[in-house]
Amino acid sequence: MIRKQEITTFEFPENAIIWDVRDSNAYSEAHVKGAVNQPIGDLSESSLTQVSTDQPIYILCGGGSKAPRAAEKLEGLDSSREYVILMGGTRAARDAGLPLEQGK
């Protein structure tokens, strides 16, 4: 199941699995605190084995174009999971004053 959530109104649950699907260069420039870099091209069934099946996977990108594609790709690999697209991505998070980190 894929659902959408505006990143600016999202309250990050403790221990949330947040995947930033941009390339590693964009990720290292700035990313949402706690997000893990999982480039869209690298998403696979083995990526999903890292996450408990009952835990939602929150997906974001820079501005909102890659995250929906990544969610569709993941749902094609395992449709029993919950995928949440964080709309607006890293740019919206920055503009809203959410904490961002730099580096890998």
PDB file of N, CA and C in Angstrom:
ATOM      1  N   MET A   1       0.843  -1.185   0.000  1.00  0.00           N
ATOM      2  CA  MET A   1       0.000   0.000   0.000  1.00  0.00           C
ATOM      3  C   MET A   1       0.886   1.246   0.000  1.00  0.00           C
ATOM      4  N   ILE A   2       0.556   2.163  -0.867  1.00  0.00           N
ATOM      5  CA  ILE A   2       1.283   3.432  -0.938  1.00  0.00           C
ATOM      6  C   ILE A   2       0.351   4.532  -0.466  1.00  0.00           C
ATOM      7  N   ARG A   3       0.849   5.345   0.453  1.00  0.00           N
ATOM      8  CA  ARG A   3       0.089   6.527   0.829  1.00  0.00           C
ATOM      9  C   ARG A   3       1.024   7.726   0.816  1.00  0.00           C
ATOM     10  N   LYS A   4       0.428   8.901   0.843  1.00  0.00           N
ATOM     11  CA  LYS A   4       1.215  10.135   0.781  1.00  0.00           C
ATOM     12  C   LYS A   4       1.006  10.950   2.048  1.00  0.00           C
ATOM     13  N   GLN A   5       2.059  11.656   2.431  1.00  0.00           N
ATOM     14  CA  GLN A   5       2.017  12.503   3.622  1.00  0.00           C
ATOM     15  C   GLN A   5       2.863  13.735   3.326  1.00  0.00           C
ATOM     16  N   GLU A   6       2.317  14.904   3.607  1.00  0.00           N
ATOM     17  CA  GLU A   6       3.111  16.125   3.440  1.00  0.00           C
ATOM     18  C   GLU A   6       4.230  16.118   4.475  1.00  0.00           C
ATOM     19  N   ILE A   7       5.462  16.312   4.028  1.00  0.00           N
ATOM     20  CA  ILE A   7       6.590  16.248   4.942  1.00  0.00           C
ATOM     21  C   ILE A   7       6.522  17.364   5.990  1.00  0.00           C
ATOM     22  N   THR A   8       5.922  18.482   5.639  1.00  0.00           N
ATOM     23  CA  THR A   8       5.884  19.614   6.571  1.00  0.00           C
ATOM     24  C   THR A   8       4.923  19.380   7.739  1.00  0.00           C
ATOM     25  N   THR A   9       3.983  18.449   7.603  1.00  0.00           N
ATOM     26  CA  THR A   9       3.052  18.165   8.701  1.00  0.00           C
ATOM     27  C   THR A   9       3.306  16.787   9.302  1.00  0.00           C
ATOM     28  N   PHE A  10       4.369  16.133   8.857  1.00  0.00           N
ATOM     29  CA  PHE A  10       4.664  14.773   9.293  1.00  0.00           C
ATOM     30  C   PHE A  10       5.408  14.796  10.615  1.00  0.00           C
ATOM     31  N   GLU A  11       4.955  13.982  11.547  1.00  0.00           N
ATOM     32  CA  GLU A  11       5.684  13.825  12.804  1.00  0.00           C
ATOM     33  C   GLU A  11       6.407  12.492  12.725  1.00  0.00           C
ATOM     34  N   PHE A  12       7.723  12.563  12.650  1.00  0.00           N
ATOM     35  CA  PHE A  12       8.522  11.362  12.463  1.00  0.00           C
ATOM     36  C   PHE A  12       8.441  10.458  13.694  1.00  0.00           C
ATOM     37  N   PRO A  13       7.917   9.240  13.527  1.00  0.00           N
ATOM     38  CA  PRO A  13       7.874   8.327  14.659  1.00  0.00           C
ATOM     39  C   PRO A  13       9.296   7.930  15.074  1.00  0.00           C
ATOM     40  N   GLU A  14       9.471   7.602  16.332  1.00  0.00           N
ATOM     41  CA  GLU A  14      10.771   7.144  16.785  1.00  0.00           C
ATOM     42  C   GLU A  14      11.119   5.857  16.038  1.00  0.00           C
ATOM     43  N   ASN A  15      12.366   5.718  15.669  1.00  0.00           N
ATOM     44  CA  ASN A  15      12.860   4.549  14.923  1.00  0.00           C
ATOM     45  C   ASN A  15      12.216   4.382  13.544  1.00  0.00           C
ATOM     46  N   ALA A  16      11.727   5.474  12.969  1.00  0.00           N
ATOM     47  CA  ALA A  16      11.140   5.412  11.625  1.00  0.00           C
ATOM     48  C   ALA A  16      12.215   5.035  10.612  1.00  0.00           C
ATOM     49  N   ILE A  17      11.830   4.247   9.625  1.00  0.00           N
ATOM     50  CA  ILE A  17      12.716   3.897   8.515  1.00  0.00           C
ATOM     51  C   ILE A  17      12.450   4.914   7.411  1.00  0.00           C
ATOM     52  N   ILE A  18      13.430   5.795   7.176  1.00  0.00           N
ATOM     53  CA  ILE A  18      13.285   6.853   6.180  1.00  0.00           C
ATOM     54  C   ILE A  18      14.348   6.640   5.112  1.00  0.00           C
ATOM     55  N   TRP A  19      13.892   6.404   3.892  1.00  0.00           N
ATOM     56  CA  TRP A  19      14.820   6.197   2.779  1.00  0.00           C
ATOM     57  C   TRP A  19      14.812   7.411   1.875  1.00  0.00           C
ATOM     58  N   ASP A  20      15.998   7.996   1.685  1.00  0.00           N
ATOM     59  CA  ASP A  20      16.202   9.098   0.744  1.00  0.00           C
ATOM     60  C   ASP A  20      16.690   8.446  -0.548  1.00  0.00           C
ATOM     61  N   VAL A  21      15.893   8.544  -1.608  1.00  0.00           N
ATOM     62  CA  VAL A  21      16.179   7.786  -2.830  1.00  0.00           C
ATOM     63  C   VAL A  21      16.979   8.577  -3.874  1.00  0.00           C
ATOM     64  N   ARG A  22      17.549   9.708  -3.463  1.00  0.00           N
ATOM     65  CA  ARG A  22      18.400  10.471  -4.383  1.00  0.00           C
ATOM     66  C   ARG A  22      19.779   9.813  -4.479  1.00  0.00           C
ATOM     67  N   ASP A  23      20.596  10.278  -5.430  1.00  0.00           N
ATOM     68  CA  ASP A  23      21.951   9.737  -5.528  1.00  0.00           C
ATOM     69  C   ASP A  23      22.788  10.192  -4.330  1.00  0.00           C
ATOM     70  N   SER A  24      23.920   9.542  -4.144  1.00  0.00           N
ATOM     71  CA  SER A  24      24.716   9.785  -2.937  1.00  0.00           C
ATOM     72  C   SER A  24      25.245  11.213  -2.855  1.00  0.00           C
ATOM     73  N   ASN A  25      25.525  11.861  -3.998  1.00  0.00           N
ATOM     74  CA  ASN A  25      26.013  13.246  -3.967  1.00  0.00           C
ATOM     75  C   ASN A  25      24.942  14.185  -3.430  1.00  0.00           C
ATOM     76  N   ALA A  26      23.722  14.069  -3.937  1.00  0.00           N
ATOM     77  CA  ALA A  26      22.630  14.926  -3.465  1.00  0.00           C
ATOM     78  C   ALA A  26      22.342  14.643  -1.994  1.00  0.00           C
ATOM     79  N   TYR A  27      22.369  13.381  -1.620  1.00  0.00           N
ATOM     80  CA  TYR A  27      22.123  12.997  -0.221  1.00  0.00           C
ATOM     81  C   TYR A  27      23.160  13.627   0.711  1.00  0.00           C
ATOM     82  N   SER A  28      24.435  13.585   0.323  1.00  0.00           N
ATOM     83  CA  SER A  28      25.482  14.097   1.207  1.00  0.00           C
ATOM     84  C   SER A  28      25.447  15.622   1.326  1.00  0.00           C
ATOM     85  N   GLU A  29      24.883  16.313   0.327  1.00  0.00           N
ATOM     86  CA  GLU A  29      24.760  17.773   0.413  1.00  0.00           C
ATOM     87  C   GLU A  29      23.830  18.175   1.548  1.00  0.00           C
ATOM     88  N   ALA A  30      22.684  17.505   1.660  1.00  0.00           N
ATOM     89  CA  ALA A  30      21.737  17.767   2.755  1.00  0.00           C
ATOM     90  C   ALA A  30      20.647  16.709   2.707  1.00  0.00           C
ATOM     91  N   HIS A  31      20.317  16.180   3.878  1.00  0.00           N
ATOM     92  CA  HIS A  31      19.231  15.204   3.962  1.00  0.00           C
ATOM     93  C   HIS A  31      18.524  15.346   5.299  1.00  0.00           C
ATOM     94  N   VAL A  32      17.302  14.861   5.356  1.00  0.00           N
ATOM     95  CA  VAL A  32      16.507  14.903   6.576  1.00  0.00           C
ATOM     96  C   VAL A  32      17.207  14.062   7.640  1.00  0.00           C
ATOM     97  N   LYS A  33      17.249  14.591   8.835  1.00  0.00           N
ATOM     98  CA  LYS A  33      17.906  13.885   9.939  1.00  0.00           C
ATOM     99  C   LYS A  33      17.293  12.496  10.103  1.00  0.00           C
ATOM    100  N   GLY A  34      18.149  11.492  10.132  1.00  0.00           N
ATOM    101  CA  GLY A  34      17.697  10.124  10.311  1.00  0.00           C
ATOM    102  C   GLY A  34      17.452   9.365   9.020  1.00  0.00           C
ATOM    103  N   ALA A  35      17.477  10.068   7.880  1.00  0.00           N
ATOM    104  CA  ALA A  35      17.243   9.394   6.601  1.00  0.00           C
ATOM    105  C   ALA A  35      18.475   8.603   6.176  1.00  0.00           C
ATOM    106  N   VAL A  36      18.226   7.462   5.548  1.00  0.00           N
ATOM    107  CA  VAL A  36      19.280   6.595   5.039  1.00  0.00           C
ATOM    108  C   VAL A  36      19.269   6.682   3.515  1.00  0.00           C
ATOM    109  N   ASN A  37      20.452   6.777   2.923  1.00  0.00           N
ATOM    110  CA  ASN A  37      20.530   6.861   1.470  1.00  0.00           C
ATOM    111  C   ASN A  37      20.298   5.493   0.838  1.00  0.00           C
ATOM    112  N   GLN A  38      19.244   5.409   0.040  1.00  0.00           N
ATOM    113  CA  GLN A  38      18.898   4.202  -0.723  1.00  0.00           C
ATOM    114  C   GLN A  38      18.563   4.665  -2.142  1.00  0.00           C
ATOM    115  N   PRO A  39      19.579   4.910  -2.982  1.00  0.00           N
ATOM    116  CA  PRO A  39      19.312   5.430  -4.325  1.00  0.00           C
ATOM    117  C   PRO A  39      18.286   4.578  -5.079  1.00  0.00           C
ATOM    118  N   ILE A  40      17.416   5.248  -5.810  1.00  0.00           N
ATOM    119  CA  ILE A  40      16.314   4.572  -6.495  1.00  0.00           C
ATOM    120  C   ILE A  40      16.815   3.436  -7.390  1.00  0.00           C
ATOM    121  N   GLY A  41      17.965   3.620  -8.032  1.00  0.00           N
ATOM    122  CA  GLY A  41      18.499   2.593  -8.911  1.00  0.00           C
ATOM    123  C   GLY A  41      18.976   1.349  -8.187  1.00  0.00           C
ATOM    124  N   ASP A  42      19.221   1.473  -6.883  1.00  0.00           N
ATOM    125  CA  ASP A  42      19.729   0.341  -6.092  1.00  0.00           C
ATOM    126  C   ASP A  42      18.632  -0.412  -5.345  1.00  0.00           C
ATOM    127  N   LEU A  43      17.400   0.077  -5.410  1.00  0.00           N
ATOM    128  CA  LEU A  43      16.320  -0.578  -4.664  1.00  0.00           C
ATOM    129  C   LEU A  43      16.070  -1.975  -5.218  1.00  0.00           C
ATOM    130  N   SER A  44      15.983  -2.940  -4.299  1.00  0.00           N
ATOM    131  CA  SER A  44      15.800  -4.327  -4.713  1.00  0.00           C
ATOM    132  C   SER A  44      15.144  -5.106  -3.577  1.00  0.00           C
ATOM    133  N   GLU A  45      14.880  -6.370  -3.835  1.00  0.00           N
ATOM    134  CA  GLU A  45      14.322  -7.212  -2.787  1.00  0.00           C
ATOM    135  C   GLU A  45      15.264  -7.285  -1.596  1.00  0.00           C
ATOM    136  N   SER A  46      16.567  -7.272  -1.839  1.00  0.00           N
ATOM    137  CA  SER A  46      17.507  -7.332  -0.717  1.00  0.00           C
ATOM    138  C   SER A  46      17.447  -6.054   0.121  1.00  0.00           C
ATOM    139  N   SER A  47      17.100  -4.915  -0.490  1.00  0.00           N
ATOM    140  CA  SER A  47      16.918  -3.675   0.286  1.00  0.00           C
ATOM    141  C   SER A  47      15.809  -3.877   1.312  1.00  0.00           C
ATOM    142  N   LEU A  48      14.749  -4.539   0.881  1.00  0.00           N
ATOM    143  CA  LEU A  48      13.591  -4.730   1.754  1.00  0.00           C
ATOM    144  C   LEU A  48      13.876  -5.696   2.898  1.00  0.00           C
ATOM    145  N   THR A  49      14.830  -6.601   2.724  1.00  0.00           N
ATOM    146  CA  THR A  49      15.120  -7.557   3.799  1.00  0.00           C
ATOM    147  C   THR A  49      15.736  -6.869   5.011  1.00  0.00           C
ATOM    148  N   GLN A  50      16.186  -5.638   4.855  1.00  0.00           N
ATOM    149  CA  GLN A  50      16.776  -4.880   5.963  1.00  0.00           C
ATOM    150  C   GLN A  50      15.719  -4.328   6.917  1.00  0.00           C
ATOM    151  N   VAL A  51      14.448  -4.389   6.516  1.00  0.00           N
ATOM    152  CA  VAL A  51      13.376  -3.746   7.279  1.00  0.00           C
ATOM    153  C   VAL A  51      12.316  -4.778   7.638  1.00  0.00           C
ATOM    154  N   SER A  52      11.888  -4.756   8.889  1.00  0.00           N
ATOM    155  CA  SER A  52      10.820  -5.645   9.332  1.00  0.00           C
ATOM    156  C   SER A  52       9.576  -5.420   8.476  1.00  0.00           C
ATOM    157  N   THR A  53       8.870  -6.497   8.149  1.00  0.00           N
ATOM    158  CA  THR A  53       7.721  -6.394   7.248  1.00  0.00           C
ATOM    159  C   THR A  53       6.572  -5.588   7.842  1.00  0.00           C
ATOM    160  N   ASP A  54       6.529  -5.430   9.160  1.00  0.00           N
ATOM    161  CA  ASP A  54       5.426  -4.681   9.768  1.00  0.00           C
ATOM    162  C   ASP A  54       5.764  -3.200   9.963  1.00  0.00           C
ATOM    163  N   GLN A  55       6.928  -2.776   9.506  1.00  0.00           N
ATOM    164  CA  GLN A  55       7.359  -1.391   9.696  1.00  0.00           C
ATOM    165  C   GLN A  55       7.180  -0.610   8.391  1.00  0.00           C
ATOM    166  N   PRO A  56       6.483   0.532   8.447  1.00  0.00           N
ATOM    167  CA  PRO A  56       6.341   1.341   7.227  1.00  0.00           C
ATOM    168  C   PRO A  56       7.692   1.891   6.777  1.00  0.00           C
ATOM    169  N   ILE A  57       7.842   2.047   5.485  1.00  0.00           N
ATOM    170  CA  ILE A  57       9.043   2.656   4.931  1.00  0.00           C
ATOM    171  C   ILE A  57       8.648   4.023   4.390  1.00  0.00           C
ATOM    172  N   TYR A  58       9.270   5.067   4.947  1.00  0.00           N
ATOM    173  CA  TYR A  58       9.013   6.442   4.529  1.00  0.00           C
ATOM    174  C   TYR A  58      10.021   6.787   3.440  1.00  0.00           C
ATOM    175  N   ILE A  59       9.525   7.336   2.331  1.00  0.00           N
ATOM    176  CA  ILE A  59      10.365   7.573   1.157  1.00  0.00           C
ATOM    177  C   ILE A  59      10.333   9.049   0.790  1.00  0.00           C
ATOM    178  N   LEU A  60      11.533   9.616   0.576  1.00  0.00           N
ATOM    179  CA  LEU A  60      11.584  11.000   0.124  1.00  0.00           C
ATOM    180  C   LEU A  60      12.719  11.180  -0.853  1.00  0.00           C
ATOM    181  N   CYS A  61      12.666  12.301  -1.550  1.00  0.00           N
ATOM    182  CA  CYS A  61      13.719  12.656  -2.505  1.00  0.00           C
ATOM    183  C   CYS A  61      14.004  14.142  -2.322  1.00  0.00           C
ATOM    184  N   GLY A  62      14.441  14.805  -3.378  1.00  0.00           N
ATOM    185  CA  GLY A  62      14.759  16.227  -3.276  1.00  0.00           C
ATOM    186  C   GLY A  62      13.529  17.108  -3.283  1.00  0.00           C
ATOM    187  N   GLY A  63      12.650  16.871  -4.253  1.00  0.00           N
ATOM    188  CA  GLY A  63      11.488  17.726  -4.379  1.00  0.00           C
ATOM    189  C   GLY A  63      10.184  17.000  -4.602  1.00  0.00           C
ATOM    190  N   GLY A  64      10.234  15.711  -4.790  1.00  0.00           N
ATOM    191  CA  GLY A  64       8.990  14.976  -4.908  1.00  0.00           C
ATOM    192  C   GLY A  64       8.776  14.182  -6.179  1.00  0.00           C
ATOM    193  N   SER A  65       9.770  14.136  -7.092  1.00  0.00           N
ATOM    194  CA  SER A  65       9.543  13.387  -8.332  1.00  0.00           C
ATOM    195  C   SER A  65      10.023  11.940  -8.252  1.00  0.00           C
ATOM    196  N   LYS A  66      11.138  11.688  -7.563  1.00  0.00           N
ATOM    197  CA  LYS A  66      11.672  10.324  -7.485  1.00  0.00           C
ATOM    198  C   LYS A  66      10.949   9.463  -6.457  1.00  0.00           C
ATOM    199  N   ALA A  67      10.491  10.043  -5.373  1.00  0.00           N
ATOM    200  CA  ALA A  67       9.877   9.248  -4.296  1.00  0.00           C
ATOM    201  C   ALA A  67       8.658   8.447  -4.772  1.00  0.00           C
ATOM    202  N   PRO A  68       7.735   9.022  -5.539  1.00  0.00           N
ATOM    203  CA  PRO A  68       6.609   8.201  -6.016  1.00  0.00           C
ATOM    204  C   PRO A  68       7.053   7.038  -6.901  1.00  0.00           C
ATOM    205  N   ARG A  69       8.059   7.280  -7.752  1.00  0.00           N
ATOM    206  CA  ARG A  69       8.578   6.197  -8.604  1.00  0.00           C
ATOM    207  C   ARG A  69       9.217   5.109  -7.747  1.00  0.00           C
ATOM    208  N   ALA A  70       9.956   5.505  -6.710  1.00  0.00           N
ATOM    209  CA  ALA A  70      10.588   4.533  -5.813  1.00  0.00           C
ATOM    210  C   ALA A  70       9.529   3.715  -5.081  1.00  0.00           C
ATOM    211  N   ALA A  71       8.468   4.367  -4.634  1.00  0.00           N
ATOM    212  CA  ALA A  71       7.399   3.658  -3.926  1.00  0.00           C
ATOM    213  C   ALA A  71       6.739   2.633  -4.841  1.00  0.00           C
ATOM    214  N   GLU A  72       6.521   3.006  -6.096  1.00  0.00           N
ATOM    215  CA  GLU A  72       5.925   2.067  -7.055  1.00  0.00           C
ATOM    216  C   GLU A  72       6.855   0.882  -7.306  1.00  0.00           C
ATOM    217  N   LYS A  73       8.143   1.163  -7.403  1.00  0.00           N
ATOM    218  CA  LYS A  73       9.116   0.091  -7.610  1.00  0.00           C
ATOM    219  C   LYS A  73       9.110  -0.869  -6.415  1.00  0.00           C
ATOM    220  N   LEU A  74       9.127  -0.303  -5.207  1.00  0.00           N
ATOM    221  CA  LEU A  74       9.125  -1.137  -4.004  1.00  0.00           C
ATOM    222  C   LEU A  74       7.833  -1.944  -3.877  1.00  0.00           C
ATOM    223  N   GLU A  75       6.716  -1.305  -4.205  1.00  0.00           N
ATOM    224  CA  GLU A  75       5.449  -2.022  -4.121  1.00  0.00           C
ATOM    225  C   GLU A  75       5.420  -3.179  -5.116  1.00  0.00           C
ATOM    226  N   GLY A  76       6.079  -3.009  -6.256  1.00  0.00           N
ATOM    227  CA  GLY A  76       6.193  -4.094  -7.217  1.00  0.00           C
ATOM    228  C   GLY A  76       7.000  -5.263  -6.681  1.00  0.00           C
ATOM    229  N   LEU A  77       7.940  -4.969  -5.787  1.00  0.00           N
ATOM    230  CA  LEU A  77       8.754  -6.021  -5.178  1.00  0.00           C
ATOM    231  C   LEU A  77       8.026  -6.712  -4.027  1.00  0.00           C
ATOM    232  N   ASP A  78       7.257  -5.932  -3.249  1.00  0.00           N
ATOM    233  CA  ASP A  78       6.521  -6.494  -2.104  1.00  0.00           C
ATOM    234  C   ASP A  78       5.314  -5.611  -1.820  1.00  0.00           C
ATOM    235  N   SER A  79       4.149  -6.036  -2.297  1.00  0.00           N
ATOM    236  CA  SER A  79       2.938  -5.228  -2.157  1.00  0.00           C
ATOM    237  C   SER A  79       2.276  -5.376  -0.791  1.00  0.00           C
ATOM    238  N   SER A  80       2.806  -6.227   0.065  1.00  0.00           N
ATOM    239  CA  SER A  80       2.196  -6.408   1.388  1.00  0.00           C
ATOM    240  C   SER A  80       2.668  -5.356   2.392  1.00  0.00           C
ATOM    241  N   ARG A  81       3.656  -4.578   2.028  1.00  0.00           N
ATOM    242  CA  ARG A  81       4.219  -3.571   2.939  1.00  0.00           C
ATOM    243  C   ARG A  81       3.517  -2.215   2.790  1.00  0.00           C
ATOM    244  N   GLU A  82       3.791  -1.350   3.767  1.00  0.00           N
ATOM    245  CA  GLU A  82       3.271   0.017   3.716  1.00  0.00           C
ATOM    246  C   GLU A  82       4.414   0.962   3.345  1.00  0.00           C
ATOM    247  N   TYR A  83       4.191   1.739   2.286  1.00  0.00           N
ATOM    248  CA  TYR A  83       5.156   2.733   1.828  1.00  0.00           C
ATOM    249  C   TYR A  83       4.506   4.102   1.939  1.00  0.00           C
ATOM    250  N   VAL A  84       5.231   5.053   2.534  1.00  0.00           N
ATOM    251  CA  VAL A  84       4.691   6.392   2.722  1.00  0.00           C
ATOM    252  C   VAL A  84       5.607   7.385   2.001  1.00  0.00           C
ATOM    253  N   ILE A  85       5.048   8.057   0.993  1.00  0.00           N
ATOM    254  CA  ILE A  85       5.792   9.072   0.252  1.00  0.00           C
ATOM    255  C   ILE A  85       5.707  10.384   1.035  1.00  0.00           C
ATOM    256  N   LEU A  86       6.874  10.928   1.384  1.00  0.00           N
ATOM    257  CA  LEU A  86       6.913  12.212   2.084  1.00  0.00           C
ATOM    258  C   LEU A  86       6.963  13.318   1.034  1.00  0.00           C
ATOM    259  N   MET A  87       5.787  13.879   0.757  1.00  0.00           N
ATOM    260  CA  MET A  87       5.621  14.853  -0.324  1.00  0.00           C
ATOM    261  C   MET A  87       6.379  16.147  -0.033  1.00  0.00           C
ATOM    262  N   GLY A  88       7.003  16.667  -1.072  1.00  0.00           N
ATOM    263  CA  GLY A  88       7.763  17.908  -0.944  1.00  0.00           C
ATOM    264  C   GLY A  88       9.242  17.652  -0.769  1.00  0.00           C
ATOM    265  N   GLY A  89       9.583  16.497  -0.230  1.00  0.00           N
ATOM    266  CA  GLY A  89      10.970  16.074  -0.113  1.00  0.00           C
ATOM    267  C   GLY A  89      11.848  16.964   0.740  1.00  0.00           C
ATOM    268  N   THR A  90      13.134  16.843   0.486  1.00  0.00           N
ATOM    269  CA  THR A  90      14.137  17.539   1.288  1.00  0.00           C
ATOM    270  C   THR A  90      14.010  19.054   1.185  1.00  0.00           C
ATOM    271  N   ARG A  91      13.662  19.565   0.006  1.00  0.00           N
ATOM    272  CA  ARG A  91      13.521  21.023  -0.140  1.00  0.00           C
ATOM    273  C   ARG A  91      12.415  21.559   0.752  1.00  0.00           C
ATOM    274  N   ALA A  92      11.275  20.879   0.773  1.00  0.00           N
ATOM    275  CA  ALA A  92      10.168  21.329   1.627  1.00  0.00           C
ATOM    276  C   ALA A  92      10.547  21.218   3.096  1.00  0.00           C
ATOM    277  N   ALA A  93      11.288  20.163   3.451  1.00  0.00           N
ATOM    278  CA  ALA A  93      11.734  20.006   4.842  1.00  0.00           C
ATOM    279  C   ALA A  93      12.650  21.160   5.242  1.00  0.00           C
ATOM    280  N   ARG A  94      13.583  21.512   4.351  1.00  0.00           N
ATOM    281  CA  ARG A  94      14.490  22.635   4.618  1.00  0.00           C
ATOM    282  C   ARG A  94      13.702  23.930   4.766  1.00  0.00           C
ATOM    283  N   ASP A  95      12.772  24.169   3.837  1.00  0.00           N
ATOM    284  CA  ASP A  95      11.994  25.405   3.868  1.00  0.00           C
ATOM    285  C   ASP A  95      11.127  25.500   5.118  1.00  0.00           C
ATOM    286  N   ALA A  96      10.740  24.339   5.672  1.00  0.00           N
ATOM    287  CA  ALA A  96       9.910  24.328   6.879  1.00  0.00           C
ATOM    288  C   ALA A  96      10.742  24.373   8.159  1.00  0.00           C
ATOM    289  N   GLY A  97      12.066  24.362   8.006  1.00  0.00           N
ATOM    290  CA  GLY A  97      12.937  24.441   9.175  1.00  0.00           C
ATOM    291  C   GLY A  97      13.173  23.116   9.879  1.00  0.00           C
ATOM    292  N   LEU A  98      12.877  22.007   9.210  1.00  0.00           N
ATOM    293  CA  LEU A  98      13.149  20.705   9.804  1.00  0.00           C
ATOM    294  C   LEU A  98      14.660  20.482   9.833  1.00  0.00           C
ATOM    295  N   PRO A  99      15.159  19.710  10.821  1.00  0.00           N
ATOM    296  CA  PRO A  99      16.613  19.516  10.927  1.00  0.00           C
ATOM    297  C   PRO A  99      17.176  18.687   9.765  1.00  0.00           C
ATOM    298  N   LEU A 100      18.204  19.238   9.121  1.00  0.00           N
ATOM    299  CA  LEU A 100      18.879  18.542   8.035  1.00  0.00           C
ATOM    300  C   LEU A 100      20.311  18.247   8.457  1.00  0.00           C
ATOM    301  N   GLU A 101      20.877  17.220   7.851  1.00  0.00           N
ATOM    302  CA  GLU A 101      22.262  16.846   8.115  1.00  0.00           C
ATOM    303  C   GLU A 101      23.020  16.859   6.801  1.00  0.00           C
ATOM    304  N   GLN A 102      24.350  16.967   6.898  1.00  0.00           N
ATOM    305  CA  GLN A 102      25.201  16.885   5.720  1.00  0.00           C
ATOM    306  C   GLN A 102      26.142  15.709   5.877  1.00  0.00           C
ATOM    307  N   GLY A 103      26.708  15.269   4.754  1.00  0.00           N
ATOM    308  CA  GLY A 103      27.636  14.151   4.779  1.00  0.00           C
ATOM    309  C   GLY A 103      26.930  12.831   4.626  1.00  0.00           C
ATOM    310  N   LYS A 104      27.693  11.774   4.659  1.00  0.00           N
ATOM    311  CA  LYS A 104      27.129  10.444   4.437  1.00  0.00           C
ATOM    312  C   LYS A 104      26.671   9.882   5.689  1.00  0.00           C
TER     313      LYS A 104
END
